[in-house]
Amino acid sequence: MSSGTRLFLLDYGAGNVRSLANTLTELGYSYEWISTPEDFDKADKLIFPGVGAFETAIVNLSAKGLLEPLRTYIQSGRPYFGICIGMQVLFASSTEPPSMDGLGIIDSPIGLFDNAGKPVPHMGWNHVALLTSGKENRARERVETGMDEDETYYFVHSYRAPYLPSRNSDWAHTTTQYGRELFLSTVRRGNVFACQFHPEKSGKAGLRVLRSWLEAPVHAIDAEYPSFPKRTITISEMDGFTKRIIACMDIRANDDGDLVVTKGDQYDVREKEDPRALKIATNASTSVNGTRDRGRSPARKVRNLGKPVALAMRYFESGADEVCLLNITSFRHSPLHDQPMLAVVREAASRIFVPLTIGGGIKDTVDPDGTPRSALEVAGAYFRAGADKVSIGSEAVVAGTARVLSETISRVYGRQAVVVSVDPRRVLVDPETELVYGERAMSLPSESDRSRAWWYQCTVSGGRESRPLSVKQLVQGVETLGAGEILLNSIDRDGTNQGYDLDLVDLVRRSVRIPVVASSWSGSSGAFSALAAGVFHREEVEVSEVKNFCRSRGVLVRRA
């Protein structure tokens, strides 16, 4: 992009645009923000990024007087790059409730994915198929757009533009298959290029797509360009959706007030007590008059496994598909005033180009001065700092979840931005209890099966407190209320190196239609989308080793 070119970003007021801004800075490009309708006239190039709900985007653009100027800009022939919502608004309409008209530049609809054999939202890394026919034409497309069929790109959406050759073939550039559905992953015609995936979160493959568009010359482009002939794309037996390997970090302040990555032994994040160190500490903490200092013994310091941003960088470079930062203590009472954690999010988001989930304190709260803060405000602060998703934990089990999930965060940002972290514990049923199995009561599998039965009870506060709620009740409830993903952690297995509780994982996956990420992984079992923490922090296994193991078992994973 020439030095005199003015690049503008359009923020409709809800989606996370900080990630794209960070990426542009990393690539060495300066930009300005669209703040008034007149700014469209100043732009030589325009990017419209963001996640969120179709309705919110259209309503906010209209309220700010930006919708019609956006349409005029696109029709002017100047380069336009739409990302996620920035692509969907180009279409005629969306069925995302309530049904609403878009710009109508592409005369076909946006609709909800079906749930046939796949979770929705479509959340993760997937391949694309170039529709251009002819070897030379396809090579030219790869150079001009940076798109590569051998790469995978990060998607996070519940609604999609179905590939309809009779209606949108003139715009169709690439398709992606999810389950048994083909949808448009990119559209390209004239001055318009738009993608359903997030290039700013698609690692080096996504950066190439952005750089290709940014470096292209600025000029009004004829609406018929490019006019390459199209090939026929058909449904394959297998889609190109890959399994995710997620690196998670529990973050808290140590005794000196510094934020560190820690990991608990059954949620005890302090080092085990060394009798020799305790004796030294006891002697050192005895005052002149012989009275022992009641302060915490240095023998039980918070376990420090590294600095959050440094570890996040390491995992990004080693091929992690997502990074999750969970603040487990330090901003529970005032998340909007926890500047150190906000600073961690900003710095991590400026250095890693894969999705970033932030958890801890996402709830209605009150500042120390008495000012009330809604969960939406708290989530918004972390989205603006660079988070892509927020994780709600204990708050999902208590009253008010309906408003936190459906009436606030998911309505504004879309359900794909809301993760619910679930911490169930296995509860054994007393063998003396008389169990009734309904129609199966006369045909139990074996006599030994009478001896034990259990259910999974939800817990809060890192497993320290139980609630009279089963894991099935909880996950089905939060799905209905607007959650887009379940992060499932077994309290019984956490920190034990025993592998997954496969019965728990299977139960939850059968109970909901949204994506489920399994936690409490030991590196010894399982080859599905998974989250790990301690085994990565302690370098017992590397992300790349996990991916190599998955490939050796025939599991499709993103190339590191």
Protein backbone atom coordinates (compact mmCIF):
# COMPACT_ATOMS: atom_id res chain seq x y z
CA MET A 1 0.00 0.00 0.00
CA SER A 2 1.51 3.34 -1.03
CA SER A 3 2.36 5.90 1.60
CA GLY A 4 -0.40 8.26 0.46
CA THR A 5 -3.16 5.64 0.64
CA ARG A 6 -5.66 6.23 3.42
CA LEU A 7 -6.93 3.03 4.98
CA PHE A 8 -10.06 3.23 7.14
CA LEU A 9 -11.64 0.69 9.49
CA LEU A 10 -15.38 0.61 10.13
CA ASP A 11 -16.45 -0.31 13.67
CA TYR A 12 -20.21 -0.68 14.02
CA GLY A 13 -19.91 -0.50 17.80
CA ALA A 14 -20.10 -4.08 19.01
CA GLY A 15 -17.68 -6.56 17.43
CA ASN A 16 -14.08 -7.04 18.45
CA VAL A 17 -12.08 -4.95 16.00
CA ARG A 18 -9.01 -4.60 18.20
CA SER A 19 -7.59 -7.88 16.88
CA LEU A 20 -7.62 -6.57 13.33
CA ALA A 21 -6.13 -3.23 14.41
CA ASN A 22 -3.33 -5.11 16.19
CA THR A 23 -2.71 -7.20 13.09
CA LEU A 24 -2.46 -4.16 10.83
CA THR A 25 0.05 -2.62 13.22
CA GLU A 26 2.06 -5.86 13.21
CA LEU A 27 2.07 -5.82 9.40
CA GLY A 28 3.32 -2.22 9.40
CA TYR A 29 0.20 -0.42 8.15
CA SER A 30 -1.39 2.71 9.56
CA TYR A 31 -5.15 3.20 9.59
CA GLU A 32 -7.93 5.57 10.60
CA TRP A 33 -11.42 4.95 11.99
CA ILE A 34 -14.70 5.78 10.29
CA SER A 35 -16.42 8.07 12.78
CA THR A 36 -18.72 10.18 10.57
CA PRO A 37 -20.49 9.63 7.22
CA GLU A 38 -18.06 12.09 5.65
CA ASP A 39 -15.10 9.82 6.46
CA PHE A 40 -16.15 7.42 3.69
CA ASP A 41 -15.22 10.10 1.14
CA LYS A 42 -11.67 10.24 2.55
CA ALA A 43 -11.05 6.49 2.35
CA ASP A 44 -8.96 4.94 -0.42
CA LYS A 45 -9.44 1.48 1.11
CA LEU A 46 -12.00 0.28 3.63
CA ILE A 47 -12.12 -2.76 5.93
CA PHE A 48 -15.32 -3.70 7.77
CA PRO A 49 -14.44 -6.35 10.41
CA GLY A 50 -16.25 -7.75 13.39
CA VAL A 51 -18.14 -10.52 15.09
CA GLY A 52 -21.64 -10.24 16.42
CA ALA A 53 -25.28 -10.36 15.49
CA PHE A 54 -26.55 -9.31 12.05
CA GLU A 55 -29.35 -7.25 13.62
CA THR A 56 -26.95 -5.36 15.88
CA ALA A 57 -24.71 -4.47 12.96
CA ILE A 58 -27.51 -3.19 10.72
CA VAL A 59 -29.30 -1.32 13.51
CA ASN A 60 -26.12 0.34 14.81
CA LEU A 61 -24.94 1.34 11.32
CA SER A 62 -28.35 2.85 10.60
CA ALA A 63 -28.48 4.70 13.93
CA LYS A 64 -25.06 6.23 13.27
CA GLY A 65 -26.01 7.25 9.73
CA LEU A 66 -23.35 4.94 8.27
CA LEU A 67 -25.39 2.32 6.41
CA GLU A 68 -26.16 4.26 3.23
CA PRO A 69 -22.67 5.85 3.04
CA LEU A 70 -21.28 2.30 3.29
CA ARG A 71 -23.42 1.23 0.34
CA THR A 72 -22.31 4.29 -1.63
CA TYR A 73 -18.65 3.56 -0.88
CA ILE A 74 -18.93 -0.02 -2.13
CA GLN A 75 -20.69 1.10 -5.30
CA SER A 76 -17.93 3.68 -5.94
CA GLY A 77 -15.47 0.98 -7.04
CA ARG A 78 -12.94 1.63 -4.27
CA PRO A 79 -11.48 -1.47 -2.55
CA TYR A 80 -13.65 -3.02 0.18
CA PHE A 81 -12.67 -5.88 2.49
CA GLY A 82 -15.45 -7.37 4.66
CA ILE A 83 -14.70 -9.78 7.50
CA CYS A 84 -17.39 -11.99 9.09
CA ILE A 85 -20.24 -9.50 9.71
CA GLY A 86 -18.55 -7.28 7.12
CA MET A 87 -19.23 -10.04 4.60
CA GLN A 88 -22.73 -10.96 5.77
CA VAL A 89 -24.14 -7.41 5.52
CA LEU A 90 -23.45 -7.53 1.76
CA PHE A 91 -26.27 -10.08 1.32
CA ALA A 92 -29.96 -9.49 0.75
CA SER A 93 -31.14 -10.61 4.18
CA SER A 94 -30.46 -12.79 7.20
CA THR A 95 -32.74 -15.13 9.10
CA GLU A 96 -30.85 -14.41 12.32
CA PRO A 97 -33.67 -13.34 14.66
CA PRO A 98 -35.31 -11.08 13.94
CA SER A 99 -35.15 -11.55 10.15
CA MET A 100 -33.63 -8.39 8.66
CA ASP A 101 -32.58 -6.95 5.31
CA GLY A 102 -28.93 -6.37 4.46
CA LEU A 103 -27.34 -4.14 1.83
CA GLY A 104 -28.62 -6.39 -0.97
CA ILE A 105 -25.41 -6.15 -3.00
CA ILE A 106 -25.39 -9.96 -3.24
CA ASP A 107 -28.87 -11.24 -4.04
CA SER A 108 -29.02 -14.30 -1.80
CA PRO A 109 -29.79 -14.88 1.91
CA ILE A 110 -27.85 -15.61 5.07
CA GLY A 111 -29.28 -18.54 7.03
CA LEU A 112 -28.63 -20.74 10.05
CA PHE A 113 -26.51 -23.89 9.74
CA ASP A 114 -28.43 -27.10 10.12
CA ASN A 115 -27.54 -29.33 13.08
CA ALA A 116 -27.25 -32.52 11.04
CA GLY A 117 -24.30 -34.36 12.54
CA LYS A 118 -22.33 -31.29 13.57
CA PRO A 119 -22.25 -28.72 16.38
CA VAL A 120 -23.30 -25.13 15.74
CA PRO A 121 -21.69 -22.56 15.86
CA HIS A 122 -19.12 -23.61 13.27
CA MET A 123 -16.16 -22.84 15.49
CA GLY A 124 -12.63 -23.75 14.51
CA TRP A 125 -10.26 -24.18 11.59
CA ASN A 126 -11.44 -25.36 8.19
CA HIS A 127 -10.23 -25.61 4.60
CA VAL A 128 -11.45 -23.70 1.55
CA ALA A 129 -11.94 -24.70 -2.09
CA LEU A 130 -11.21 -22.17 -4.86
CA LEU A 131 -14.04 -22.10 -7.39
CA THR A 132 -11.86 -20.80 -10.21
CA SER A 133 -11.24 -23.40 -12.91
CA GLY A 134 -7.99 -23.78 -14.80
CA LYS A 135 -4.54 -24.28 -13.31
CA GLU A 136 -3.17 -20.91 -14.44
CA ASN A 137 -6.24 -19.00 -13.25
CA ARG A 138 -6.13 -20.69 -9.87
CA ALA A 139 -2.44 -19.87 -9.48
CA ARG A 140 -3.23 -16.23 -10.30
CA GLU A 141 -6.01 -16.22 -7.69
CA ARG A 142 -3.63 -17.52 -5.05
CA VAL A 143 -1.16 -14.74 -5.80
CA GLU A 144 -3.78 -11.99 -5.90
CA THR A 145 -5.74 -13.01 -2.80
CA GLY A 146 -3.24 -15.01 -0.73
CA MET A 147 -5.78 -17.85 -0.43
CA ASP A 148 -4.38 -21.38 -0.36
CA GLU A 149 -6.37 -24.61 -0.41
CA ASP A 150 -3.63 -26.36 1.56
CA GLU A 151 -4.11 -23.98 4.50
CA THR A 152 -6.88 -23.76 7.11
CA TYR A 153 -8.62 -20.61 8.34
CA TYR A 154 -10.43 -19.77 11.58
CA PHE A 155 -14.23 -19.61 11.46
CA VAL A 156 -16.65 -18.72 14.25
CA HIS A 157 -20.27 -18.29 13.16
CA SER A 158 -23.74 -19.80 13.41
CA TYR A 159 -25.17 -18.24 10.23
CA ARG A 160 -23.74 -18.67 6.74
CA ALA A 161 -24.27 -17.81 3.10
CA PRO A 162 -25.19 -21.09 1.38
CA TYR A 163 -23.53 -21.73 -1.95
CA LEU A 164 -26.36 -21.28 -4.47
CA PRO A 165 -24.91 -21.47 -8.00
CA SER A 166 -28.14 -20.16 -9.52
CA ARG A 167 -28.07 -17.02 -7.36
CA ASN A 168 -24.56 -16.17 -6.15
CA SER A 169 -22.11 -17.88 -8.52
CA ASP A 170 -20.97 -14.48 -9.87
CA TRP A 171 -19.73 -13.63 -6.38
CA ALA A 172 -18.59 -17.05 -5.19
CA HIS A 173 -14.81 -17.19 -4.76
CA THR A 174 -14.24 -20.07 -2.33
CA THR A 175 -16.51 -22.52 -0.59
CA THR A 176 -16.09 -24.43 2.64
CA GLN A 177 -17.81 -27.64 3.66
CA TYR A 178 -19.06 -28.14 7.19
CA GLY A 179 -20.85 -31.40 7.78
CA ARG A 180 -22.90 -31.90 4.63
CA GLU A 181 -23.30 -28.18 3.86
CA LEU A 182 -21.39 -26.00 1.39
CA PHE A 183 -21.23 -22.30 2.18
CA LEU A 184 -19.38 -19.30 0.80
CA SER A 185 -16.15 -18.75 2.71
CA THR A 186 -15.06 -15.83 0.48
CA VAL A 187 -16.76 -13.67 -2.15
CA ARG A 188 -14.89 -11.64 -4.76
CA ARG A 189 -16.14 -9.41 -7.52
CA GLY A 190 -14.89 -6.09 -8.77
CA ASN A 191 -13.66 -3.99 -5.86
CA VAL A 192 -15.20 -6.26 -3.23
CA PHE A 193 -13.40 -9.03 -1.36
CA ALA A 194 -14.96 -10.49 1.77
CA CYS A 195 -14.44 -13.57 3.91
CA GLN A 196 -16.51 -15.43 6.49
CA PHE A 197 -13.39 -16.52 8.38
CA HIS A 198 -11.17 -14.22 10.45
CA PRO A 199 -7.82 -13.64 8.71
CA GLU A 200 -6.53 -11.75 11.74
CA LYS A 201 -7.06 -14.94 13.79
CA SER A 202 -5.90 -17.42 11.16
CA GLY A 203 -2.19 -17.36 11.93
CA LYS A 204 0.32 -16.86 9.14
CA ALA A 205 -2.16 -18.08 6.50
CA GLY A 206 -4.55 -15.28 7.44
CA LEU A 207 -1.80 -12.68 7.52
CA ARG A 208 -0.97 -13.56 3.90
CA VAL A 209 -4.58 -12.89 2.88
CA LEU A 210 -4.57 -9.50 4.58
CA ARG A 211 -1.18 -8.52 3.17
CA SER A 212 -2.23 -9.47 -0.37
CA TRP A 213 -5.26 -7.18 -0.19
CA LEU A 214 -3.34 -4.33 1.47
CA GLU A 215 -0.56 -4.43 -1.15
CA ALA A 216 -2.92 -4.47 -4.13
CA PRO A 217 -3.02 -1.19 -6.10
CA VAL A 218 -5.79 1.31 -5.37
CA HIS A 219 -8.04 2.02 -8.33
CA ALA A 220 -11.67 1.77 -9.28
CA ILE A 221 -12.21 -1.78 -10.54
CA ASP A 222 -14.76 -2.80 -13.13
CA ALA A 223 -17.59 -4.75 -11.54
CA GLU A 224 -17.06 -7.74 -13.82
CA TYR A 225 -13.43 -8.28 -12.74
CA PRO A 226 -12.31 -10.98 -12.07
CA SER A 227 -14.35 -13.07 -14.51
CA PHE A 228 -12.54 -16.41 -14.32
CA PRO A 229 -14.63 -19.45 -15.28
CA LYS A 230 -15.92 -21.46 -12.31
CA ARG A 231 -15.60 -25.15 -11.58
CA THR A 232 -18.26 -27.31 -9.98
CA ILE A 233 -17.93 -28.04 -6.26
CA THR A 234 -19.78 -31.00 -4.78
CA ILE A 235 -20.30 -32.32 -1.26
CA SER A 236 -17.51 -34.65 -0.12
CA GLU A 237 -17.82 -37.57 2.24
CA MET A 238 -15.56 -35.75 4.70
CA ASP A 239 -15.39 -32.02 5.33
CA GLY A 240 -12.14 -30.18 6.00
CA PHE A 241 -12.93 -29.24 9.60
CA THR A 242 -9.95 -29.79 11.92
CA LYS A 243 -9.77 -30.65 15.60
CA ARG A 244 -8.57 -27.87 17.89
CA ILE A 245 -5.73 -28.05 20.39
CA ILE A 246 -6.16 -25.24 22.92
CA ALA A 247 -3.58 -23.98 25.41
CA CYS A 248 -5.13 -22.72 28.64
CA MET A 249 -3.54 -20.62 31.36
CA ASP A 250 -4.89 -20.09 34.87
CA ILE A 251 -3.73 -16.61 35.90
CA ARG A 252 -3.65 -15.08 39.35
CA ALA A 253 -1.62 -12.66 41.41
CA ASN A 254 1.16 -14.16 43.47
CA ASP A 255 2.02 -12.96 46.97
CA ASP A 256 4.01 -10.07 45.50
CA GLY A 257 1.06 -8.89 43.41
CA ASP A 258 2.46 -10.00 40.03
CA LEU A 259 0.25 -11.88 37.58
CA VAL A 260 1.61 -15.36 36.93
CA VAL A 261 0.46 -18.53 35.21
CA THR A 262 -0.26 -21.19 37.80
CA LYS A 263 -1.77 -24.66 37.94
CA GLY A 264 -3.43 -26.38 40.83
CA ASP A 265 -3.10 -29.82 42.29
CA GLN A 266 -6.86 -30.42 42.53
CA TYR A 267 -7.20 -26.62 42.49
CA ASP A 268 -4.62 -25.98 45.21
CA VAL A 269 -2.34 -23.53 43.39
CA ARG A 270 0.25 -23.24 46.14
CA GLU A 271 3.43 -25.24 46.27
CA LYS A 272 3.43 -28.24 48.58
CA GLU A 273 4.76 -27.53 52.03
CA ASP A 274 8.38 -28.52 52.58
CA PRO A 275 8.95 -29.33 56.30
CA ARG A 276 12.51 -27.96 56.17
CA ALA A 277 11.36 -24.73 54.54
CA LEU A 278 8.52 -24.50 57.03
CA LYS A 279 10.95 -24.74 59.96
CA ILE A 280 13.12 -21.99 58.49
CA ALA A 281 10.06 -19.86 57.76
CA THR A 282 8.74 -20.39 61.30
CA ASN A 283 12.02 -19.25 62.86
CA ALA A 284 12.23 -16.26 60.51
CA SER A 285 8.68 -15.19 61.28
CA THR A 286 9.09 -15.19 65.07
CA SER A 287 9.20 -11.66 66.48
CA VAL A 288 11.53 -10.38 69.20
CA ASN A 289 9.01 -11.16 71.94
CA GLY A 290 8.61 -14.73 70.70
CA THR A 291 5.20 -14.27 69.07
CA ARG A 292 4.91 -16.02 65.68
CA ASP A 293 3.92 -13.91 62.69
CA ARG A 294 0.56 -15.19 61.46
CA GLY A 295 1.35 -14.26 57.84
CA ARG A 296 1.44 -16.90 55.11
CA SER A 297 4.48 -19.13 55.12
CA PRO A 298 6.84 -18.61 52.18
CA ALA A 299 6.96 -22.41 51.96
CA ARG A 300 3.47 -22.23 50.41
CA LYS A 301 4.03 -19.72 47.64
CA VAL A 302 1.75 -19.56 44.61
CA ARG A 303 2.99 -22.02 41.99
CA ASN A 304 4.61 -19.90 39.25
CA LEU A 305 4.83 -21.56 35.85
CA GLY A 306 5.66 -18.45 33.86
CA LYS A 307 4.49 -15.07 32.61
CA PRO A 308 1.13 -15.02 30.77
CA VAL A 309 2.19 -13.20 27.60
CA ALA A 310 5.46 -15.11 27.23
CA LEU A 311 3.65 -18.45 27.50
CA ALA A 312 0.91 -17.30 25.11
CA MET A 313 3.59 -16.41 22.56
CA ARG A 314 5.25 -19.79 23.00
CA TYR A 315 2.01 -21.64 22.40
CA PHE A 316 1.13 -19.53 19.35
CA GLU A 317 4.53 -20.20 17.79
CA SER A 318 4.27 -23.93 18.51
CA GLY A 319 0.93 -24.23 16.71
CA ALA A 320 -1.82 -23.88 19.35
CA ASP A 321 -5.16 -23.31 17.64
CA GLU A 322 -6.47 -21.09 20.44
CA VAL A 323 -5.22 -19.57 23.68
CA CYS A 324 -7.38 -19.27 26.78
CA LEU A 325 -6.56 -16.93 29.70
CA LEU A 326 -8.59 -17.58 32.87
CA ASN A 327 -8.14 -15.12 35.73
CA ILE A 328 -8.94 -17.27 38.74
CA THR A 329 -8.79 -14.71 41.55
CA SER A 330 -7.50 -11.21 41.09
CA PHE A 331 -10.38 -9.29 39.53
CA ARG A 332 -13.34 -10.98 41.12
CA HIS A 333 -14.58 -7.82 42.81
CA SER A 334 -13.65 -5.15 40.28
CA PRO A 335 -12.84 -6.51 36.81
CA LEU A 336 -13.03 -3.16 35.04
CA HIS A 337 -10.41 -1.74 37.40
CA ASP A 338 -8.03 -4.66 37.07
CA GLN A 339 -5.62 -2.85 34.80
CA PRO A 340 -2.85 -5.50 35.01
CA MET A 341 -5.16 -8.16 33.54
CA LEU A 342 -6.44 -5.79 30.86
CA ALA A 343 -2.83 -5.02 30.01
CA VAL A 344 -2.09 -8.75 29.69
CA VAL A 345 -5.01 -9.14 27.28
CA ARG A 346 -3.91 -6.15 25.18
CA GLU A 347 -0.31 -7.32 24.95
CA ALA A 348 -1.24 -10.94 24.21
CA ALA A 349 -3.73 -9.86 21.53
CA SER A 350 -1.05 -7.74 19.85
CA ARG A 351 1.36 -10.67 19.56
CA ILE A 352 -0.69 -13.78 18.86
CA PHE A 353 -2.88 -14.23 15.81
CA VAL A 354 -5.15 -17.05 16.88
CA PRO A 355 -8.39 -16.75 18.92
CA LEU A 356 -8.08 -15.51 22.49
CA THR A 357 -10.61 -16.40 25.20
CA ILE A 358 -10.75 -14.50 28.49
CA GLY A 359 -12.49 -15.77 31.61
CA GLY A 360 -13.06 -14.73 35.20
CA GLY A 361 -15.30 -11.99 36.61
CA ILE A 362 -17.64 -11.81 33.60
CA LYS A 363 -20.74 -10.91 35.62
CA ASP A 364 -22.75 -8.01 36.96
CA THR A 365 -20.55 -6.31 39.51
CA VAL A 366 -20.11 -3.11 41.52
CA ASP A 367 -17.02 -0.91 41.52
CA PRO A 368 -15.35 -0.04 44.84
CA ASP A 369 -16.98 3.41 44.64
CA GLY A 370 -20.44 1.85 44.36
CA THR A 371 -20.88 2.24 40.58
CA PRO A 372 -22.82 -0.75 39.18
CA ARG A 373 -21.34 -2.49 36.12
CA SER A 374 -23.22 -4.93 33.93
CA ALA A 375 -21.81 -8.18 32.59
CA LEU A 376 -22.07 -6.64 29.13
CA GLU A 377 -19.79 -3.76 30.17
CA VAL A 378 -17.25 -6.17 31.62
CA ALA A 379 -17.30 -8.37 28.53
CA GLY A 380 -17.10 -5.29 26.29
CA ALA A 381 -13.96 -4.08 28.04
CA TYR A 382 -12.20 -7.36 27.32
CA PHE A 383 -13.44 -7.52 23.73
CA ARG A 384 -12.07 -4.02 23.17
CA ALA A 385 -8.78 -5.07 24.75
CA GLY A 386 -8.47 -7.87 22.19
CA ALA A 387 -10.45 -10.88 23.45
CA ASP A 388 -12.43 -12.89 20.91
CA LYS A 389 -14.54 -14.86 23.37
CA VAL A 390 -15.42 -14.57 27.06
CA SER A 391 -15.76 -17.52 29.38
CA ILE A 392 -18.40 -17.58 32.12
CA GLY A 393 -17.79 -20.02 34.95
CA SER A 394 -19.41 -20.15 38.37
CA GLU A 395 -21.78 -17.34 37.42
CA ALA A 396 -23.52 -19.66 34.94
CA VAL A 397 -24.74 -21.83 37.82
CA VAL A 398 -26.36 -19.06 39.83
CA ALA A 399 -29.44 -16.93 39.26
CA GLY A 400 -29.32 -14.30 36.53
CA THR A 401 -27.70 -16.48 33.88
CA ALA A 402 -30.56 -15.82 31.43
CA ARG A 403 -29.83 -12.12 31.39
CA VAL A 404 -26.05 -12.49 31.36
CA LEU A 405 -26.09 -14.87 28.40
CA SER A 406 -29.11 -14.22 26.20
CA GLU A 407 -30.22 -10.69 27.01
CA THR A 408 -26.76 -9.15 27.07
CA ILE A 409 -23.57 -10.68 25.75
CA SER A 410 -24.82 -13.22 23.21
CA ARG A 411 -27.45 -10.86 21.84
CA VAL A 412 -24.90 -8.13 21.15
CA TYR A 413 -21.82 -10.16 20.25
CA GLY A 414 -23.42 -13.37 19.04
CA ARG A 415 -23.53 -16.73 20.83
CA GLN A 416 -20.16 -17.68 19.31
CA ALA A 417 -18.53 -15.14 21.66
CA VAL A 418 -19.84 -16.81 24.84
CA VAL A 419 -18.13 -19.86 26.38
CA VAL A 420 -19.49 -21.51 29.52
CA SER A 421 -16.93 -23.29 31.66
CA VAL A 422 -18.43 -26.29 33.48
CA ASP A 423 -16.74 -28.05 36.43
CA PRO A 424 -18.72 -31.20 37.34
CA ARG A 425 -17.79 -33.80 39.92
CA ARG A 426 -18.74 -37.47 39.92
CA VAL A 427 -21.11 -38.28 42.78
CA LEU A 428 -21.52 -41.97 43.64
CA VAL A 429 -24.95 -43.32 44.48
CA ASP A 430 -24.99 -45.35 47.68
CA PRO A 431 -25.08 -49.06 46.70
CA GLU A 432 -27.77 -49.57 49.33
CA THR A 433 -30.03 -47.11 47.52
CA GLU A 434 -32.86 -48.87 45.69
CA LEU A 435 -32.47 -47.85 42.04
CA VAL A 436 -35.36 -47.91 39.59
CA TYR A 437 -34.52 -48.22 35.88
CA GLY A 438 -38.04 -48.00 34.45
CA GLU A 439 -38.52 -50.37 31.51
CA ARG A 440 -34.98 -51.70 31.95
CA ALA A 441 -35.48 -52.70 35.59
CA MET A 442 -35.87 -56.38 34.76
CA SER A 443 -32.86 -56.58 32.43
CA LEU A 444 -29.82 -54.93 33.96
CA PRO A 445 -26.61 -55.68 31.98
CA SER A 446 -25.02 -57.68 34.78
CA GLU A 447 -25.22 -58.25 38.50
CA SER A 448 -22.08 -56.17 39.08
CA ASP A 449 -23.75 -53.12 37.57
CA ARG A 450 -26.04 -53.01 40.61
CA SER A 451 -23.10 -52.12 42.83
CA ARG A 452 -22.31 -48.63 41.60
CA ALA A 453 -23.99 -45.78 39.77
CA TRP A 454 -23.14 -42.10 39.68
CA TRP A 455 -24.22 -38.73 38.36
CA TYR A 456 -22.23 -35.59 37.57
CA GLN A 457 -22.92 -32.70 39.91
CA CYS A 458 -22.05 -29.10 39.05
CA THR A 459 -19.63 -27.20 41.25
CA VAL A 460 -18.50 -23.60 41.64
CA SER A 461 -15.40 -21.86 42.98
CA GLY A 462 -13.00 -24.30 41.38
CA GLY A 463 -14.78 -27.36 42.68
CA ARG A 464 -14.83 -26.21 46.30
CA GLU A 465 -18.63 -25.87 46.46
CA SER A 466 -21.32 -28.14 45.01
CA ARG A 467 -24.71 -27.17 43.62
CA PRO A 468 -27.88 -29.31 43.35
CA LEU A 469 -27.68 -29.31 39.55
CA SER A 470 -26.59 -32.02 37.14
CA VAL A 471 -24.16 -31.31 34.33
CA LYS A 472 -26.80 -32.27 31.75
CA GLN A 473 -29.27 -29.78 33.20
CA LEU A 474 -26.66 -27.04 33.17
CA VAL A 475 -25.30 -27.49 29.65
CA GLN A 476 -28.74 -27.80 28.12
CA GLY A 477 -29.89 -24.73 30.02
CA VAL A 478 -27.01 -22.48 28.99
CA GLU A 479 -27.31 -23.64 25.38
CA THR A 480 -30.93 -22.50 25.38
CA LEU A 481 -29.94 -19.19 26.98
CA GLY A 482 -27.32 -18.30 24.38
CA ALA A 483 -24.00 -20.04 25.09
CA GLY A 484 -22.01 -20.94 21.98
CA GLU A 485 -19.46 -23.36 23.43
CA ILE A 486 -18.96 -25.58 26.48
CA LEU A 487 -15.55 -25.85 28.16
CA LEU A 488 -15.79 -29.09 30.12
CA ASN A 489 -13.45 -29.80 33.01
CA SER A 490 -13.63 -32.84 35.28
CA ILE A 491 -12.96 -31.90 38.89
CA ASP A 492 -12.12 -35.55 39.61
CA ARG A 493 -9.47 -35.73 36.89
CA ASP A 494 -8.00 -32.22 36.99
CA GLY A 495 -4.30 -32.33 37.84
CA THR A 496 -4.26 -36.13 38.25
CA ASN A 497 -2.68 -37.12 34.90
CA GLN A 498 -5.33 -39.82 34.51
CA GLY A 499 -6.66 -38.57 31.18
CA TYR A 500 -10.21 -37.61 30.26
CA ASP A 501 -13.34 -38.79 31.98
CA LEU A 502 -14.70 -40.16 28.71
CA ASP A 503 -18.10 -40.96 30.21
CA LEU A 504 -18.50 -37.30 31.15
CA VAL A 505 -17.37 -36.07 27.74
CA ASP A 506 -19.73 -38.43 25.95
CA LEU A 507 -22.67 -37.44 28.15
CA VAL A 508 -22.21 -33.73 27.51
CA ARG A 509 -21.58 -34.10 23.78
CA ARG A 510 -24.84 -36.07 23.46
CA SER A 511 -26.74 -33.49 25.50
CA VAL A 512 -26.04 -30.34 23.44
CA ARG A 513 -25.60 -29.26 19.83
CA ILE A 514 -22.99 -26.57 20.45
CA PRO A 515 -19.23 -27.32 20.42
CA VAL A 516 -17.74 -29.03 23.47
CA VAL A 517 -14.07 -28.67 24.39
CA ALA A 518 -12.69 -31.32 26.73
CA SER A 519 -10.29 -30.26 29.48
CA SER A 520 -8.30 -32.19 32.13
CA TRP A 521 -6.11 -33.81 29.49
CA SER A 522 -3.01 -35.75 30.54
CA GLY A 523 -1.52 -36.41 27.12
CA SER A 524 -2.24 -40.11 27.40
CA SER A 525 -5.68 -40.47 25.85
CA GLY A 526 -8.18 -38.87 23.56
CA ALA A 527 -7.79 -37.49 20.06
CA PHE A 528 -10.56 -34.91 19.78
CA SER A 529 -10.80 -31.12 20.26
CA ALA A 530 -9.12 -30.59 23.58
CA LEU A 531 -7.70 -28.10 26.03
CA ALA A 532 -4.60 -28.62 28.13
CA ALA A 533 -2.71 -26.55 30.66
CA GLY A 534 -0.21 -28.05 33.08
CA VAL A 535 1.29 -30.57 30.66
CA PHE A 536 2.12 -27.67 28.31
CA HIS A 537 3.35 -25.30 31.04
CA ARG A 538 5.68 -27.90 32.51
CA GLU A 539 6.86 -28.86 29.00
CA GLU A 540 5.91 -32.48 29.58
CA VAL A 541 4.56 -32.40 26.03
CA GLU A 542 4.59 -29.77 23.27
CA VAL A 543 1.62 -28.66 21.18
CA SER A 544 3.42 -29.93 18.08
CA GLU A 545 3.78 -33.39 19.65
CA VAL A 546 0.05 -33.52 20.34
CA LYS A 547 -0.68 -32.65 16.71
CA ASN A 548 1.77 -35.25 15.42
CA PHE A 549 0.10 -37.83 17.65
CA CYS A 550 -3.33 -36.87 16.30
CA ARG A 551 -2.13 -37.14 12.70
CA SER A 552 -0.68 -40.58 13.38
CA ARG A 553 -4.18 -41.65 14.48
CA GLY A 554 -5.83 -40.23 11.37
CA VAL A 555 -7.22 -37.12 13.09
CA LEU A 556 -7.29 -33.96 10.97
CA VAL A 557 -5.50 -31.06 12.71
CA ARG A 558 -4.22 -27.70 11.56
CA ARG A 559 -0.71 -27.61 10.18
CA ALA A 560 1.55 -25.84 12.69
